[in-house]
């Protein structure tokens, strides 16, 4: 059922976030750097 599948997915995502915290932090940092670079480029155009 959809509810059980949703609960399993939430649990799996939470587990990944806990176990691979450094990896998730790196992804977020890179995304923020990309956004900042895009803004700087737009500003400099």
ModelCIF file with pLDDT and N, C-alpha, C, O atoms, coordinates in Angstrom:
data_MODEL
#
_entry.id   MODEL 
#
_entity.id                         1 
_entity.type                       polymer 
_entity.pdbx_number_of_molecules   1 
#
_entity_poly.entity_id                      1 
_entity_poly.type                           'polypeptide(L)' 
_entity_poly.nstd_linkage                   no 
_entity_poly.nstd_monomer                   no 
_entity_poly.pdbx_seq_one_letter_code       
;(UNK)(UNK)(UNK)(UNK)(UNK)(UNK)(UNK)(UNK)(UNK)(UNK)(UNK)(UNK)(UNK)(UNK)(UNK)(UNK)
(UNK)(UNK)(UNK)(UNK)(UNK)(UNK)(UNK)(UNK)(UNK)(UNK)(UNK)(UNK)(UNK)(UNK)(UNK)(UNK)
(UNK)(UNK)(UNK)(UNK)(UNK)(UNK)(UNK)(UNK)(UNK)(UNK)(UNK)(UNK)(UNK)
;
_entity_poly.pdbx_seq_one_letter_code_can   XXXXXXXXXXXXXXXXXXXXXXXXXXXXXXXXXXXXXXXXXXXXX 
_entity_poly.pdbx_strand_id                 A 
#
loop_
_entity_poly_seq.entity_id 
_entity_poly_seq.num 
_entity_poly_seq.mon_id 
_entity_poly_seq.hetero 
1 1  UNK n 
1 2  UNK n 
1 3  UNK n 
1 4  UNK n 
1 5  UNK n 
1 6  UNK n 
1 7  UNK n 
1 8  UNK n 
1 9  UNK n 
1 10 UNK n 
1 11 UNK n 
1 12 UNK n 
1 13 UNK n 
1 14 UNK n 
1 15 UNK n 
1 16 UNK n 
1 17 UNK n 
1 18 UNK n 
1 19 UNK n 
1 20 UNK n 
1 21 UNK n 
1 22 UNK n 
1 23 UNK n 
1 24 UNK n 
1 25 UNK n 
1 26 UNK n 
1 27 UNK n 
1 28 UNK n 
1 29 UNK n 
1 30 UNK n 
1 31 UNK n 
1 32 UNK n 
1 33 UNK n 
1 34 UNK n 
1 35 UNK n 
1 36 UNK n 
1 37 UNK n 
1 38 UNK n 
1 39 UNK n 
1 40 UNK n 
1 41 UNK n 
1 42 UNK n 
1 43 UNK n 
1 44 UNK n 
1 45 UNK n 
#
_struct_asym.id          A 
_struct_asym.entity_id   1 
#
loop_
_ma_qa_metric.id 
_ma_qa_metric.mode 
_ma_qa_metric.name 
_ma_qa_metric.software_group_id 
_ma_qa_metric.type 
1 global pLDDT . pLDDT 
2 local  pLDDT . pLDDT 
#
_ma_qa_metric_global.metric_id      1 
_ma_qa_metric_global.metric_value   92.00 
_ma_qa_metric_global.model_id       1 
_ma_qa_metric_global.ordinal_id     1 
#
loop_
_ma_qa_metric_local.label_asym_id 
_ma_qa_metric_local.label_comp_id 
_ma_qa_metric_local.label_seq_id 
_ma_qa_metric_local.metric_id 
_ma_qa_metric_local.metric_value 
_ma_qa_metric_local.model_id 
_ma_qa_metric_local.ordinal_id 
A UNK 1  2 87.00 1 1  
A UNK 2  2 89.00 1 2  
A UNK 3  2 90.00 1 3  
A UNK 4  2 92.00 1 4  
A UNK 5  2 92.00 1 5  
A UNK 6  2 94.00 1 6  
A UNK 7  2 94.00 1 7  
A UNK 8  2 94.00 1 8  
A UNK 9  2 95.00 1 9  
A UNK 10 2 96.00 1 10 
A UNK 11 2 95.00 1 11 
A UNK 12 2 93.00 1 12 
A UNK 13 2 91.00 1 13 
A UNK 14 2 92.00 1 14 
A UNK 15 2 92.00 1 15 
A UNK 16 2 87.00 1 16 
A UNK 17 2 86.00 1 17 
A UNK 18 2 89.00 1 18 
A UNK 19 2 91.00 1 19 
A UNK 20 2 90.00 1 20 
A UNK 21 2 89.00 1 21 
A UNK 22 2 91.00 1 22 
A UNK 23 2 88.00 1 23 
A UNK 24 2 87.00 1 24 
A UNK 25 2 91.00 1 25 
A UNK 26 2 93.00 1 26 
A UNK 27 2 92.00 1 27 
A UNK 28 2 93.00 1 28 
A UNK 29 2 97.00 1 29 
A UNK 30 2 97.00 1 30 
A UNK 31 2 97.00 1 31 
A UNK 32 2 97.00 1 32 
A UNK 33 2 97.00 1 33 
A UNK 34 2 97.00 1 34 
A UNK 35 2 97.00 1 35 
A UNK 36 2 96.00 1 36 
A UNK 37 2 94.00 1 37 
A UNK 38 2 95.00 1 38 
A UNK 39 2 93.00 1 39 
A UNK 40 2 90.00 1 40 
A UNK 41 2 90.00 1 41 
A UNK 42 2 91.00 1 42 
A UNK 43 2 87.00 1 43 
A UNK 44 2 85.00 1 44 
A UNK 45 2 87.00 1 45 
#
loop_
_atom_site.group_PDB 
_atom_site.id 
_atom_site.type_symbol 
_atom_site.label_atom_id 
_atom_site.label_alt_id 
_atom_site.label_comp_id 
_atom_site.label_asym_id 
_atom_site.label_entity_id 
_atom_site.label_seq_id 
_atom_site.pdbx_PDB_ins_code 
_atom_site.Cartn_x 
_atom_site.Cartn_y 
_atom_site.Cartn_z 
_atom_site.occupancy 
_atom_site.B_iso_or_equiv 
_atom_site.pdbx_formal_charge 
_atom_site.auth_seq_id 
_atom_site.auth_comp_id 
_atom_site.auth_asym_id 
_atom_site.auth_atom_id 
_atom_site.pdbx_PDB_model_num 
ATOM 1   N N  . UNK A 1 1  ? 0.832  -1.200 0.000   1.00 87.00 ? 1  UNK A N  1 
ATOM 2   C CA . UNK A 1 1  ? 0.000  0.000  0.000   1.00 87.00 ? 1  UNK A CA 1 
ATOM 3   C C  . UNK A 1 1  ? 0.873  1.259  0.000   1.00 87.00 ? 1  UNK A C  1 
ATOM 4   O O  . UNK A 1 1  ? 2.036  1.237  0.403   1.00 87.00 ? 1  UNK A O  1 
ATOM 5   N N  . UNK A 1 2  ? 0.289  2.317  -0.451  1.00 89.00 ? 2  UNK A N  1 
ATOM 6   C CA . UNK A 1 2  ? 0.996  3.579  -0.646  1.00 89.00 ? 2  UNK A CA 1 
ATOM 7   C C  . UNK A 1 2  ? 1.562  4.124  0.672   1.00 89.00 ? 2  UNK A C  1 
ATOM 8   O O  . UNK A 1 2  ? 2.667  4.666  0.695   1.00 89.00 ? 2  UNK A O  1 
ATOM 9   N N  . UNK A 1 3  ? 0.813  3.984  1.756   1.00 90.00 ? 3  UNK A N  1 
ATOM 10  C CA . UNK A 1 3  ? 1.259  4.490  3.054   1.00 90.00 ? 3  UNK A CA 1 
ATOM 11  C C  . UNK A 1 3  ? 2.499  3.749  3.533   1.00 90.00 ? 3  UNK A C  1 
ATOM 12  O O  . UNK A 1 3  ? 3.437  4.365  4.040   1.00 90.00 ? 3  UNK A O  1 
ATOM 13  N N  . UNK A 1 4  ? 2.506  2.438  3.375   1.00 92.00 ? 4  UNK A N  1 
ATOM 14  C CA . UNK A 1 4  ? 3.658  1.649  3.808   1.00 92.00 ? 4  UNK A CA 1 
ATOM 15  C C  . UNK A 1 4  ? 4.879  1.990  2.945   1.00 92.00 ? 4  UNK A C  1 
ATOM 16  O O  . UNK A 1 4  ? 5.990  2.105  3.464   1.00 92.00 ? 4  UNK A O  1 
ATOM 17  N N  . UNK A 1 5  ? 4.682  2.149  1.654   1.00 92.00 ? 5  UNK A N  1 
ATOM 18  C CA . UNK A 1 5  ? 5.770  2.511  0.758   1.00 92.00 ? 5  UNK A CA 1 
ATOM 19  C C  . UNK A 1 5  ? 6.335  3.879  1.125   1.00 92.00 ? 5  UNK A C  1 
ATOM 20  O O  . UNK A 1 5  ? 7.551  4.069  1.129   1.00 92.00 ? 5  UNK A O  1 
ATOM 21  N N  . UNK A 1 6  ? 5.469  4.818  1.428   1.00 94.00 ? 6  UNK A N  1 
ATOM 22  C CA . UNK A 1 6  ? 5.887  6.161  1.819   1.00 94.00 ? 6  UNK A CA 1 
ATOM 23  C C  . UNK A 1 6  ? 6.700  6.109  3.117   1.00 94.00 ? 6  UNK A C  1 
ATOM 24  O O  . UNK A 1 6  ? 7.729  6.776  3.226   1.00 94.00 ? 6  UNK A O  1 
ATOM 25  N N  . UNK A 1 7  ? 6.256  5.337  4.083   1.00 94.00 ? 7  UNK A N  1 
ATOM 26  C CA . UNK A 1 7  ? 6.974  5.197  5.347   1.00 94.00 ? 7  UNK A CA 1 
ATOM 27  C C  . UNK A 1 7  ? 8.349  4.563  5.142   1.00 94.00 ? 7  UNK A C  1 
ATOM 28  O O  . UNK A 1 7  ? 9.331  4.984  5.754   1.00 94.00 ? 7  UNK A O  1 
ATOM 29  N N  . UNK A 1 8  ? 8.414  3.559  4.285   1.00 94.00 ? 8  UNK A N  1 
ATOM 30  C CA . UNK A 1 8  ? 9.696  2.916  3.996   1.00 94.00 ? 8  UNK A CA 1 
ATOM 31  C C  . UNK A 1 8  ? 10.664 3.885  3.323   1.00 94.00 ? 8  UNK A C  1 
ATOM 32  O O  . UNK A 1 8  ? 11.854 3.906  3.638   1.00 94.00 ? 8  UNK A O  1 
ATOM 33  N N  . UNK A 1 9  ? 10.152 4.673  2.409   1.00 95.00 ? 9  UNK A N  1 
ATOM 34  C CA . UNK A 1 9  ? 10.984 5.650  1.717   1.00 95.00 ? 9  UNK A CA 1 
ATOM 35  C C  . UNK A 1 9  ? 11.502 6.708  2.689   1.00 95.00 ? 9  UNK A C  1 
ATOM 36  O O  . UNK A 1 9  ? 12.682 7.059  2.650   1.00 95.00 ? 9  UNK A O  1 
ATOM 37  N N  . UNK A 1 10 ? 10.637 7.212  3.551   1.00 96.00 ? 10 UNK A N  1 
ATOM 38  C CA . UNK A 1 10 ? 11.051 8.191  4.558   1.00 96.00 ? 10 UNK A CA 1 
ATOM 39  C C  . UNK A 1 10 ? 12.141 7.617  5.459   1.00 96.00 ? 10 UNK A C  1 
ATOM 40  O O  . UNK A 1 10 ? 13.126 8.290  5.765   1.00 96.00 ? 10 UNK A O  1 
ATOM 41  N N  . UNK A 1 11 ? 11.959 6.402  5.867   1.00 95.00 ? 11 UNK A N  1 
ATOM 42  C CA . UNK A 1 11 ? 12.928 5.740  6.733   1.00 95.00 ? 11 UNK A CA 1 
ATOM 43  C C  . UNK A 1 11 ? 14.275 5.577  6.034   1.00 95.00 ? 11 UNK A C  1 
ATOM 44  O O  . UNK A 1 11 ? 15.323 5.799  6.640   1.00 95.00 ? 11 UNK A O  1 
ATOM 45  N N  . UNK A 1 12 ? 14.248 5.194  4.775   1.00 93.00 ? 12 UNK A N  1 
ATOM 46  C CA . UNK A 1 12 ? 15.482 5.012  4.016   1.00 93.00 ? 12 UNK A CA 1 
ATOM 47  C C  . UNK A 1 12 ? 16.220 6.336  3.830   1.00 93.00 ? 12 UNK A C  1 
ATOM 48  O O  . UNK A 1 12 ? 17.442 6.391  3.965   1.00 93.00 ? 12 UNK A O  1 
ATOM 49  N N  . UNK A 1 13 ? 15.489 7.394  3.523   1.00 91.00 ? 13 UNK A N  1 
ATOM 50  C CA . UNK A 1 13 ? 16.103 8.713  3.338   1.00 91.00 ? 13 UNK A CA 1 
ATOM 51  C C  . UNK A 1 13 ? 16.699 9.195  4.653   1.00 91.00 ? 13 UNK A C  1 
ATOM 52  O O  . UNK A 1 13 ? 17.817 9.710  4.666   1.00 91.00 ? 13 UNK A O  1 
ATOM 53  N N  . UNK A 1 14 ? 15.984 9.041  5.747   1.00 92.00 ? 14 UNK A N  1 
ATOM 54  C CA . UNK A 1 14 ? 16.488 9.457  7.057   1.00 92.00 ? 14 UNK A CA 1 
ATOM 55  C C  . UNK A 1 14 ? 17.763 8.701  7.410   1.00 92.00 ? 14 UNK A C  1 
ATOM 56  O O  . UNK A 1 14 ? 18.705 9.283  7.946   1.00 92.00 ? 14 UNK A O  1 
ATOM 57  N N  . UNK A 1 15 ? 17.792 7.416  7.113   1.00 92.00 ? 15 UNK A N  1 
ATOM 58  C CA . UNK A 1 15 ? 18.969 6.594  7.401   1.00 92.00 ? 15 UNK A CA 1 
ATOM 59  C C  . UNK A 1 15 ? 20.181 7.057  6.587   1.00 92.00 ? 15 UNK A C  1 
ATOM 60  O O  . UNK A 1 15 ? 21.292 7.133  7.112   1.00 92.00 ? 15 UNK A O  1 
ATOM 61  N N  . UNK A 1 16 ? 19.968 7.360  5.326   1.00 87.00 ? 16 UNK A N  1 
ATOM 62  C CA . UNK A 1 16 ? 21.055 7.849  4.477   1.00 87.00 ? 16 UNK A CA 1 
ATOM 63  C C  . UNK A 1 16 ? 21.578 9.180  5.001   1.00 87.00 ? 16 UNK A C  1 
ATOM 64  O O  . UNK A 1 16 ? 22.787 9.397  5.072   1.00 87.00 ? 16 UNK A O  1 
ATOM 65  N N  . UNK A 1 17 ? 20.654 10.073 5.370   1.00 86.00 ? 17 UNK A N  1 
ATOM 66  C CA . UNK A 1 17 ? 21.061 11.376 5.883   1.00 86.00 ? 17 UNK A CA 1 
ATOM 67  C C  . UNK A 1 17 ? 21.879 11.243 7.164   1.00 86.00 ? 17 UNK A C  1 
ATOM 68  O O  . UNK A 1 17 ? 22.823 12.005 7.375   1.00 86.00 ? 17 UNK A O  1 
ATOM 69  N N  . UNK A 1 18 ? 21.538 10.313 7.996   1.00 89.00 ? 18 UNK A N  1 
ATOM 70  C CA . UNK A 1 18 ? 22.272 10.107 9.238   1.00 89.00 ? 18 UNK A CA 1 
ATOM 71  C C  . UNK A 1 18 ? 23.636 9.466  8.987   1.00 89.00 ? 18 UNK A C  1 
ATOM 72  O O  . UNK A 1 18 ? 24.642 9.899  9.549   1.00 89.00 ? 18 UNK A O  1 
ATOM 73  N N  . UNK A 1 19 ? 23.668 8.446  8.153   1.00 91.00 ? 19 UNK A N  1 
ATOM 74  C CA . UNK A 1 19 ? 24.901 7.692  7.936   1.00 91.00 ? 19 UNK A CA 1 
ATOM 75  C C  . UNK A 1 19 ? 25.879 8.400  7.007   1.00 91.00 ? 19 UNK A C  1 
ATOM 76  O O  . UNK A 1 19 ? 27.089 8.212  7.132   1.00 91.00 ? 19 UNK A O  1 
ATOM 77  N N  . UNK A 1 20 ? 25.387 9.195  6.096   1.00 90.00 ? 20 UNK A N  1 
ATOM 78  C CA . UNK A 1 20 ? 26.243 9.859  5.108   1.00 90.00 ? 20 UNK A CA 1 
ATOM 79  C C  . UNK A 1 20 ? 26.156 11.374 5.241   1.00 90.00 ? 20 UNK A C  1 
ATOM 80  O O  . UNK A 1 20 ? 26.055 12.082 4.239   1.00 90.00 ? 20 UNK A O  1 
ATOM 81  N N  . UNK A 1 21 ? 26.193 11.869 6.459   1.00 89.00 ? 21 UNK A N  1 
ATOM 82  C CA . UNK A 1 21 ? 26.035 13.288 6.735   1.00 89.00 ? 21 UNK A CA 1 
ATOM 83  C C  . UNK A 1 21 ? 27.058 14.139 5.977   1.00 89.00 ? 21 UNK A C  1 
ATOM 84  O O  . UNK A 1 21 ? 26.709 15.172 5.407   1.00 89.00 ? 21 UNK A O  1 
ATOM 85  N N  . UNK A 1 22 ? 28.319 13.702 5.975   1.00 91.00 ? 22 UNK A N  1 
ATOM 86  C CA . UNK A 1 22 ? 29.370 14.467 5.298   1.00 91.00 ? 22 UNK A CA 1 
ATOM 87  C C  . UNK A 1 22 ? 29.090 14.582 3.800   1.00 91.00 ? 22 UNK A C  1 
ATOM 88  O O  . UNK A 1 22 ? 29.300 15.638 3.203   1.00 91.00 ? 22 UNK A O  1 
ATOM 89  N N  . UNK A 1 23 ? 28.624 13.514 3.208   1.00 88.00 ? 23 UNK A N  1 
ATOM 90  C CA . UNK A 1 23 ? 28.306 13.501 1.782   1.00 88.00 ? 23 UNK A CA 1 
ATOM 91  C C  . UNK A 1 23 ? 27.183 14.488 1.473   1.00 88.00 ? 23 UNK A C  1 
ATOM 92  O O  . UNK A 1 23 ? 27.257 15.236 0.498   1.00 88.00 ? 23 UNK A O  1 
ATOM 93  N N  . UNK A 1 24 ? 26.167 14.487 2.291   1.00 87.00 ? 24 UNK A N  1 
ATOM 94  C CA . UNK A 1 24 ? 25.032 15.394 2.106   1.00 87.00 ? 24 UNK A CA 1 
ATOM 95  C C  . UNK A 1 24 ? 25.498 16.839 2.281   1.00 87.00 ? 24 UNK A C  1 
ATOM 96  O O  . UNK A 1 24 ? 25.089 17.716 1.520   1.00 87.00 ? 24 UNK A O  1 
ATOM 97  N N  . UNK A 1 25 ? 26.354 17.095 3.282   1.00 91.00 ? 25 UNK A N  1 
ATOM 98  C CA . UNK A 1 25 ? 26.875 18.443 3.500   1.00 91.00 ? 25 UNK A CA 1 
ATOM 99  C C  . UNK A 1 25 ? 27.660 18.922 2.283   1.00 91.00 ? 25 UNK A C  1 
ATOM 100 O O  . UNK A 1 25 ? 27.527 20.076 1.874   1.00 91.00 ? 25 UNK A O  1 
ATOM 101 N N  . UNK A 1 26 ? 28.474 18.046 1.703   1.00 93.00 ? 26 UNK A N  1 
ATOM 102 C CA . UNK A 1 26 ? 29.245 18.404 0.513   1.00 93.00 ? 26 UNK A CA 1 
ATOM 103 C C  . UNK A 1 26 ? 28.327 18.769 -0.655  1.00 93.00 ? 26 UNK A C  1 
ATOM 104 O O  . UNK A 1 26 ? 28.585 19.733 -1.375  1.00 93.00 ? 26 UNK A O  1 
ATOM 105 N N  . UNK A 1 27 ? 27.269 18.004 -0.834  1.00 92.00 ? 27 UNK A N  1 
ATOM 106 C CA . UNK A 1 27 ? 26.324 18.272 -1.920  1.00 92.00 ? 27 UNK A CA 1 
ATOM 107 C C  . UNK A 1 27 ? 25.666 19.638 -1.721  1.00 92.00 ? 27 UNK A C  1 
ATOM 108 O O  . UNK A 1 27 ? 25.528 20.411 -2.669  1.00 92.00 ? 27 UNK A O  1 
ATOM 109 N N  . UNK A 1 28 ? 25.266 19.926 -0.495  1.00 93.00 ? 28 UNK A N  1 
ATOM 110 C CA . UNK A 1 28 ? 24.615 21.210 -0.214  1.00 93.00 ? 28 UNK A CA 1 
ATOM 111 C C  . UNK A 1 28 ? 25.594 22.362 -0.411  1.00 93.00 ? 28 UNK A C  1 
ATOM 112 O O  . UNK A 1 28 ? 25.231 23.388 -0.987  1.00 93.00 ? 28 UNK A O  1 
ATOM 113 N N  . UNK A 1 29 ? 26.835 22.205 0.062   1.00 97.00 ? 29 UNK A N  1 
ATOM 114 C CA . UNK A 1 29 ? 27.853 23.247 -0.114  1.00 97.00 ? 29 UNK A CA 1 
ATOM 115 C C  . UNK A 1 29 ? 28.110 23.519 -1.595  1.00 97.00 ? 29 UNK A C  1 
ATOM 116 O O  . UNK A 1 29 ? 28.190 24.676 -2.008  1.00 97.00 ? 29 UNK A O  1 
ATOM 117 N N  . UNK A 1 30 ? 28.239 22.478 -2.381  1.00 97.00 ? 30 UNK A N  1 
ATOM 118 C CA . UNK A 1 30 ? 28.472 22.643 -3.817  1.00 97.00 ? 30 UNK A CA 1 
ATOM 119 C C  . UNK A 1 30 ? 27.291 23.342 -4.493  1.00 97.00 ? 30 UNK A C  1 
ATOM 120 O O  . UNK A 1 30 ? 27.482 24.186 -5.368  1.00 97.00 ? 30 UNK A O  1 
ATOM 121 N N  . UNK A 1 31 ? 26.096 22.994 -4.093  1.00 97.00 ? 31 UNK A N  1 
ATOM 122 C CA . UNK A 1 31 ? 24.907 23.631 -4.665  1.00 97.00 ? 31 UNK A CA 1 
ATOM 123 C C  . UNK A 1 31 ? 24.879 25.116 -4.316  1.00 97.00 ? 31 UNK A C  1 
ATOM 124 O O  . UNK A 1 31 ? 24.542 25.947 -5.159  1.00 97.00 ? 31 UNK A O  1 
ATOM 125 N N  . UNK A 1 32 ? 25.229 25.450 -3.080  1.00 97.00 ? 32 UNK A N  1 
ATOM 126 C CA . UNK A 1 32 ? 25.255 26.854 -2.668  1.00 97.00 ? 32 UNK A CA 1 
ATOM 127 C C  . UNK A 1 32 ? 26.335 27.621 -3.430  1.00 97.00 ? 32 UNK A C  1 
ATOM 128 O O  . UNK A 1 32 ? 26.113 28.766 -3.826  1.00 97.00 ? 32 UNK A O  1 
ATOM 129 N N  . UNK A 1 33 ? 27.492 27.009 -3.637  1.00 97.00 ? 33 UNK A N  1 
ATOM 130 C CA . UNK A 1 33 ? 28.557 27.645 -4.415  1.00 97.00 ? 33 UNK A CA 1 
ATOM 131 C C  . UNK A 1 33 ? 28.100 27.887 -5.861  1.00 97.00 ? 33 UNK A C  1 
ATOM 132 O O  . UNK A 1 33 ? 28.379 28.940 -6.434  1.00 97.00 ? 33 UNK A O  1 
ATOM 133 N N  . UNK A 1 34 ? 27.412 26.926 -6.434  1.00 97.00 ? 34 UNK A N  1 
ATOM 134 C CA . UNK A 1 34 ? 26.904 27.072 -7.803  1.00 97.00 ? 34 UNK A CA 1 
ATOM 135 C C  . UNK A 1 34 ? 25.913 28.231 -7.901  1.00 97.00 ? 34 UNK A C  1 
ATOM 136 O O  . UNK A 1 34 ? 25.947 29.005 -8.858  1.00 97.00 ? 34 UNK A O  1 
ATOM 137 N N  . UNK A 1 35 ? 25.028 28.348 -6.905  1.00 97.00 ? 35 UNK A N  1 
ATOM 138 C CA . UNK A 1 35 ? 24.053 29.438 -6.895  1.00 97.00 ? 35 UNK A CA 1 
ATOM 139 C C  . UNK A 1 35 ? 24.777 30.776 -6.769  1.00 97.00 ? 35 UNK A C  1 
ATOM 140 O O  . UNK A 1 35 ? 24.441 31.730 -7.471  1.00 97.00 ? 35 UNK A O  1 
ATOM 141 N N  . UNK A 1 36 ? 25.771 30.854 -5.877  1.00 96.00 ? 36 UNK A N  1 
ATOM 142 C CA . UNK A 1 36 ? 26.521 32.100 -5.692  1.00 96.00 ? 36 UNK A CA 1 
ATOM 143 C C  . UNK A 1 36 ? 27.264 32.479 -6.974  1.00 96.00 ? 36 UNK A C  1 
ATOM 144 O O  . UNK A 1 36 ? 27.296 33.651 -7.349  1.00 96.00 ? 36 UNK A O  1 
ATOM 145 N N  . UNK A 1 37 ? 27.852 31.507 -7.634  1.00 94.00 ? 37 UNK A N  1 
ATOM 146 C CA . UNK A 1 37 ? 28.564 31.775 -8.882  1.00 94.00 ? 37 UNK A CA 1 
ATOM 147 C C  . UNK A 1 37 ? 27.594 32.266 -9.962  1.00 94.00 ? 37 UNK A C  1 
ATOM 148 O O  . UNK A 1 37 ? 27.902 33.207 -10.693 1.00 94.00 ? 37 UNK A O  1 
ATOM 149 N N  . UNK A 1 38 ? 26.445 31.640 -10.057 1.00 95.00 ? 38 UNK A N  1 
ATOM 150 C CA . UNK A 1 38 ? 25.448 32.062 -11.047 1.00 95.00 ? 38 UNK A CA 1 
ATOM 151 C C  . UNK A 1 38 ? 24.987 33.491 -10.778 1.00 95.00 ? 38 UNK A C  1 
ATOM 152 O O  . UNK A 1 38 ? 24.819 34.280 -11.709 1.00 95.00 ? 38 UNK A O  1 
ATOM 153 N N  . UNK A 1 39 ? 24.785 33.821 -9.505  1.00 93.00 ? 39 UNK A N  1 
ATOM 154 C CA . UNK A 1 39 ? 24.381 35.188 -9.156  1.00 93.00 ? 39 UNK A CA 1 
ATOM 155 C C  . UNK A 1 39 ? 25.485 36.183 -9.504  1.00 93.00 ? 39 UNK A C  1 
ATOM 156 O O  . UNK A 1 39 ? 25.210 37.263 -10.026 1.00 93.00 ? 39 UNK A O  1 
ATOM 157 N N  . UNK A 1 40 ? 26.738 35.816 -9.214  1.00 90.00 ? 40 UNK A N  1 
ATOM 158 C CA . UNK A 1 40 ? 27.862 36.703 -9.530  1.00 90.00 ? 40 UNK A CA 1 
ATOM 159 C C  . UNK A 1 40 ? 27.969 36.921 -11.036 1.00 90.00 ? 40 UNK A C  1 
ATOM 160 O O  . UNK A 1 40 ? 28.235 38.035 -11.488 1.00 90.00 ? 40 UNK A O  1 
ATOM 161 N N  . UNK A 1 41 ? 27.766 35.881 -11.795 1.00 90.00 ? 41 UNK A N  1 
ATOM 162 C CA . UNK A 1 41 ? 27.814 35.997 -13.257 1.00 90.00 ? 41 UNK A CA 1 
ATOM 163 C C  . UNK A 1 41 ? 26.698 36.913 -13.739 1.00 90.00 ? 41 UNK A C  1 
ATOM 164 O O  . UNK A 1 41 ? 26.932 37.802 -14.557 1.00 90.00 ? 41 UNK A O  1 
ATOM 165 N N  . UNK A 1 42 ? 25.487 36.699 -13.236 1.00 91.00 ? 42 UNK A N  1 
ATOM 166 C CA . UNK A 1 42 ? 24.355 37.554 -13.625 1.00 91.00 ? 42 UNK A CA 1 
ATOM 167 C C  . UNK A 1 42 ? 24.619 39.014 -13.266 1.00 91.00 ? 42 UNK A C  1 
ATOM 168 O O  . UNK A 1 42 ? 24.300 39.919 -14.037 1.00 91.00 ? 42 UNK A O  1 
ATOM 169 N N  . UNK A 1 43 ? 25.199 39.231 -12.102 1.00 87.00 ? 43 UNK A N  1 
ATOM 170 C CA . UNK A 1 43 ? 25.486 40.587 -11.654 1.00 87.00 ? 43 UNK A CA 1 
ATOM 171 C C  . UNK A 1 43 ? 26.561 41.236 -12.527 1.00 87.00 ? 43 UNK A C  1 
ATOM 172 O O  . UNK A 1 43 ? 26.508 42.437 -12.793 1.00 87.00 ? 43 UNK A O  1 
ATOM 173 N N  . UNK A 1 44 ? 27.521 40.450 -12.967 1.00 85.00 ? 44 UNK A N  1 
ATOM 174 C CA . UNK A 1 44 ? 28.621 40.988 -13.746 1.00 85.00 ? 44 UNK A CA 1 
ATOM 175 C C  . UNK A 1 44 ? 28.315 41.195 -15.211 1.00 85.00 ? 44 UNK A C  1 
ATOM 176 O O  . UNK A 1 44 ? 29.055 41.897 -15.899 1.00 85.00 ? 44 UNK A O  1 
ATOM 177 N N  . UNK A 1 45 ? 27.255 40.609 -15.700 1.00 87.00 ? 45 UNK A N  1 
ATOM 178 C CA . UNK A 1 45 ? 26.922 40.701 -17.119 1.00 87.00 ? 45 UNK A CA 1 
ATOM 179 C C  . UNK A 1 45 ? 26.726 42.147 -17.560 1.00 87.00 ? 45 UNK A C  1 
ATOM 180 O O  . UNK A 1 45 ? 26.440 42.402 -18.729 1.00 87.00 ? 45 UNK A O  1 
#
